[in-house]
Amino acid sequence: MLILNENSQYSANNIHYNYTSAHNIVHFQGNVDVQIVPKNACSTLKSSFVNLHYADALTHATAQYGLADRIRTVNKLRELGLLESGSFYRANSERYAIYRDPLKRALSGAVYLLHNRYKYNWNKITPSLVNEFLQVFDYTTDIHMSKQIYWLGKNKHFFDRVFYINDTRLLLDIIQSKYDRGLFRDVTDLHANKSKVDLTTDDLDNTTIDIITKYYRDDYEFIETL
């Protein structure tokens, strides 16, 4: 049975889209600007920036702030203004983004929210719970369930390339080529913030699939143009 008890530590920035697309453009070296889209290799891309810019300070930052893992370290450095994300694309920049199949992204978002926002242990997140969540949750109340076009717009030509999430390695190669040092091995793991729940879209029932397909209709139309 689905019980949605809010985690008091969950970031308010995630609710009602207070955290806007304008705040999620990461400025890499070499005039490479990447539009971050929640649940689309978001943590991997942010981690790569920190490792490229602050690799020598990363261990120190982890120790100083008592952070248990690199994702929390990335978030702390972002709070301190060390993650260079902005509200604009730089002039004549190379512009990239990542898209994802809406069904897989919605499933990933549901698992993330059940664990992080509503405090479900990983072993309690079952197919039936995920289906129930995806059928009753208000998708407009959290960026992890937002439409991808909210972040990407509807004009693919605005970007030099929009990569499918399975091709994240190709985008990391472009980013890495602008730096003298390579990305740390752990960041090249394309699932920097992967959940511990082994579910696939085969676990979604027809009602859930119908809801997701209708809600993300604009995303499907955008993806068809790529």
Foldseek 3Di string as FASTA:
>chain_A
DDDFDFDPPDDQCFFLVVPAQLQQWFQFFPLEIERAAALLLNLLVLLQRCCQPPVVCQVVQCVVVVPDDSSVSSVVCVVVVNGDTGRDRDPPGAYEYEDEDLLQLLLQLLLCCCCPTRNDDQVVDDLVNSQVCLLPPDLSTGSSSDAPCSNVPQDCVVHPHYHYSVVVLVVQVVSQVSGPDHGDPQSSPSCNPDDPHDDDSVSHDPSSVVSSCVVRVSNVVSVVVD
